[in-house]
Every structure is written in structure tokens, then in C-alpha cells.
Amino acid sequence: MLSDTKSSHVTQVGGNVFADLGFEPEDAFALQAESRRLIAQAKAAMAEFKFTLAFKLYADDLSLQDITERLCAAGCINALVGIGPEGKVVMEFTRQSFRAERQSGLP
């Protein structure tokens, strides 16, 4: 069985598809506003990337404060930094981007 794939109506850019579907004007406006809110929320959620860098420092003289000060001086002001046993340093970052491979923003 074949189905008709031709559209008989296309909502114009900036138009309200809910009004075009026959909803009352107040309902169409509310549905459009909620639709836009949900789309914006989904876009924001998809654009956030978290990543962690973990490595070992061999310089015993660096404290957590020294590391965070150096990161800040280099422009990296939003890393969550932790120091573990035997000089292990872990930094967690959250960045906004459309693609993960282009979003690090590290100095």
C-alpha cells in the first residue's frame, strides 16, 4: 500500500503550526511557547560536555593551591581539581559546544 507523501500545506517560517492545525488562538500560542521551551531545553542539554583529565605529577612541591593558581593564570578558571595519593591530579571540566571534539577550551 502506498501512502500520499505530498504536503498540502506548509507552515511558513515564524508561523504557528498549532494554529495551522486548527487549535484555538490561545491554545496555539501556549502550545507553541511550550514547544519552543522544550526545544531550547533539549538543545542546552545536548550541548554540554563533561570530561576528566587525570595524570601524575612528579614535582612534590606543588600543592592544590599552586595548581589552581596556575590554571587560573592560564585562563582555565572553571576546572574542578583534586589531588589524590602519590601526586595524582584529576581535573573535571564542563564545556558548552555543538561538538565534543571542538569544545575543550583548554589553554
Protein backbone atom coordinates (compact mmCIF):
# COMPACT_ATOMS: atom_id res chain seq x y z
CA MET A 1 0.00 0.00 0.00
CA LEU A 2 1.36 3.40 -0.98
CA SER A 3 0.75 6.49 1.10
CA ASP A 4 0.49 10.06 -0.07
CA THR A 5 3.70 11.89 0.87
CA LYS A 6 2.79 15.22 -0.68
CA SER A 7 2.09 18.06 1.72
CA SER A 8 -0.99 20.10 1.10
CA HIS A 9 0.13 22.85 3.48
CA VAL A 10 3.48 24.10 4.81
CA THR A 11 3.67 26.39 7.82
CA GLN A 12 5.74 29.44 6.97
CA VAL A 13 8.88 30.33 8.94
CA GLY A 14 7.75 32.25 12.00
CA GLY A 15 4.25 30.82 11.69
CA ASN A 16 2.43 28.68 14.22
CA VAL A 17 1.93 25.06 13.19
CA PHE A 18 -0.61 24.61 16.00
CA ALA A 19 -2.77 27.42 14.62
CA ASP A 20 -2.45 25.86 11.17
CA LEU A 21 -3.70 22.58 12.65
CA GLY A 22 -6.86 24.31 13.86
CA PHE A 23 -6.20 24.93 17.56
CA GLU A 24 -7.88 27.95 19.11
CA PRO A 25 -5.55 31.01 19.04
CA GLU A 26 -4.87 30.99 22.81
CA ASP A 27 -4.16 27.24 22.80
CA ALA A 28 -2.00 27.51 19.68
CA PHE A 29 0.07 30.28 21.29
CA ALA A 30 0.51 28.26 24.52
CA LEU A 31 1.45 25.09 22.63
CA GLN A 32 3.97 26.98 20.50
CA ALA A 33 5.54 28.60 23.59
CA GLU A 34 5.82 25.23 25.36
CA SER A 35 7.25 23.64 22.21
CA ARG A 36 9.91 26.35 21.95
CA ARG A 37 10.75 25.97 25.66
CA LEU A 38 11.21 22.19 25.29
CA ILE A 39 13.35 22.59 22.17
CA ALA A 40 15.59 25.16 23.88
CA GLN A 41 15.93 22.90 26.92
CA ALA A 42 16.89 19.92 24.74
CA LYS A 43 19.45 21.97 22.79
CA ALA A 44 21.03 23.21 26.01
CA ALA A 45 21.24 19.72 27.45
CA MET A 46 22.79 18.26 24.31
CA ALA A 47 25.45 20.95 24.11
CA GLU A 48 27.05 20.28 27.49
CA PHE A 49 30.10 18.04 27.56
CA LYS A 50 31.97 16.82 30.62
CA PHE A 51 35.44 15.38 30.52
CA THR A 52 38.12 14.46 33.01
CA LEU A 53 41.89 14.70 32.78
CA ALA A 54 43.91 12.56 35.17
CA PHE A 55 47.68 12.45 35.42
CA LYS A 56 50.55 12.10 37.84
CA LEU A 57 52.76 14.99 38.94
CA TYR A 58 56.36 14.23 39.73
CA ALA A 59 57.01 17.56 41.43
CA ASP A 60 56.35 17.12 45.15
CA ASP A 61 56.39 20.84 45.78
CA LEU A 62 53.06 21.61 44.02
CA SER A 63 50.06 22.00 46.27
CA LEU A 64 46.40 22.09 45.23
CA GLN A 65 46.55 25.88 45.59
CA ASP A 66 49.64 26.06 43.33
CA ILE A 67 47.88 24.00 40.67
CA THR A 68 44.65 26.01 40.76
CA GLU A 69 46.57 29.31 40.67
CA ARG A 70 48.50 28.15 37.60
CA LEU A 71 45.31 27.02 35.90
CA CYS A 72 43.64 30.37 36.62
CA ALA A 73 46.68 32.28 35.36
CA ALA A 74 46.41 30.28 32.11
CA GLY A 75 42.72 31.21 31.77
CA CYS A 76 41.30 27.88 32.87
CA ILE A 77 39.02 29.11 35.65
CA ASN A 78 36.27 26.50 35.79
CA ALA A 79 38.04 23.19 36.38
CA LEU A 80 37.20 21.07 39.40
CA VAL A 81 40.63 19.97 40.66
CA GLY A 82 41.50 17.20 43.08
CA ILE A 83 44.77 15.69 44.27
CA GLY A 84 44.99 12.04 45.19
CA PRO A 85 47.70 9.81 46.59
CA GLU A 86 51.21 9.81 45.16
CA GLY A 87 50.81 13.04 43.19
CA LYS A 88 47.76 12.01 41.17
CA VAL A 89 45.86 15.06 39.88
CA VAL A 90 42.36 14.91 38.44
CA MET A 91 40.63 17.82 36.71
CA GLU A 92 37.00 17.75 35.64
CA PHE A 93 35.69 20.18 33.05
CA THR A 94 32.24 21.06 31.73
CA ARG A 95 32.05 22.88 28.43
CA GLN A 96 29.29 24.05 26.09
CA SER A 97 29.64 23.21 22.41
CA PHE A 98 27.90 21.70 19.42
CA ARG A 99 30.59 19.03 19.04
CA ALA A 100 32.69 17.37 21.72
CA GLU A 101 35.94 17.33 19.77
CA ARG A 102 35.98 21.12 19.38
CA GLN A 103 34.92 22.21 22.81
CA SER A 104 37.79 21.69 25.24
CA GLY A 105 38.80 25.34 25.51
CA LEU A 106 41.98 24.39 27.34
CA PRO A 107 44.80 26.92 27.29
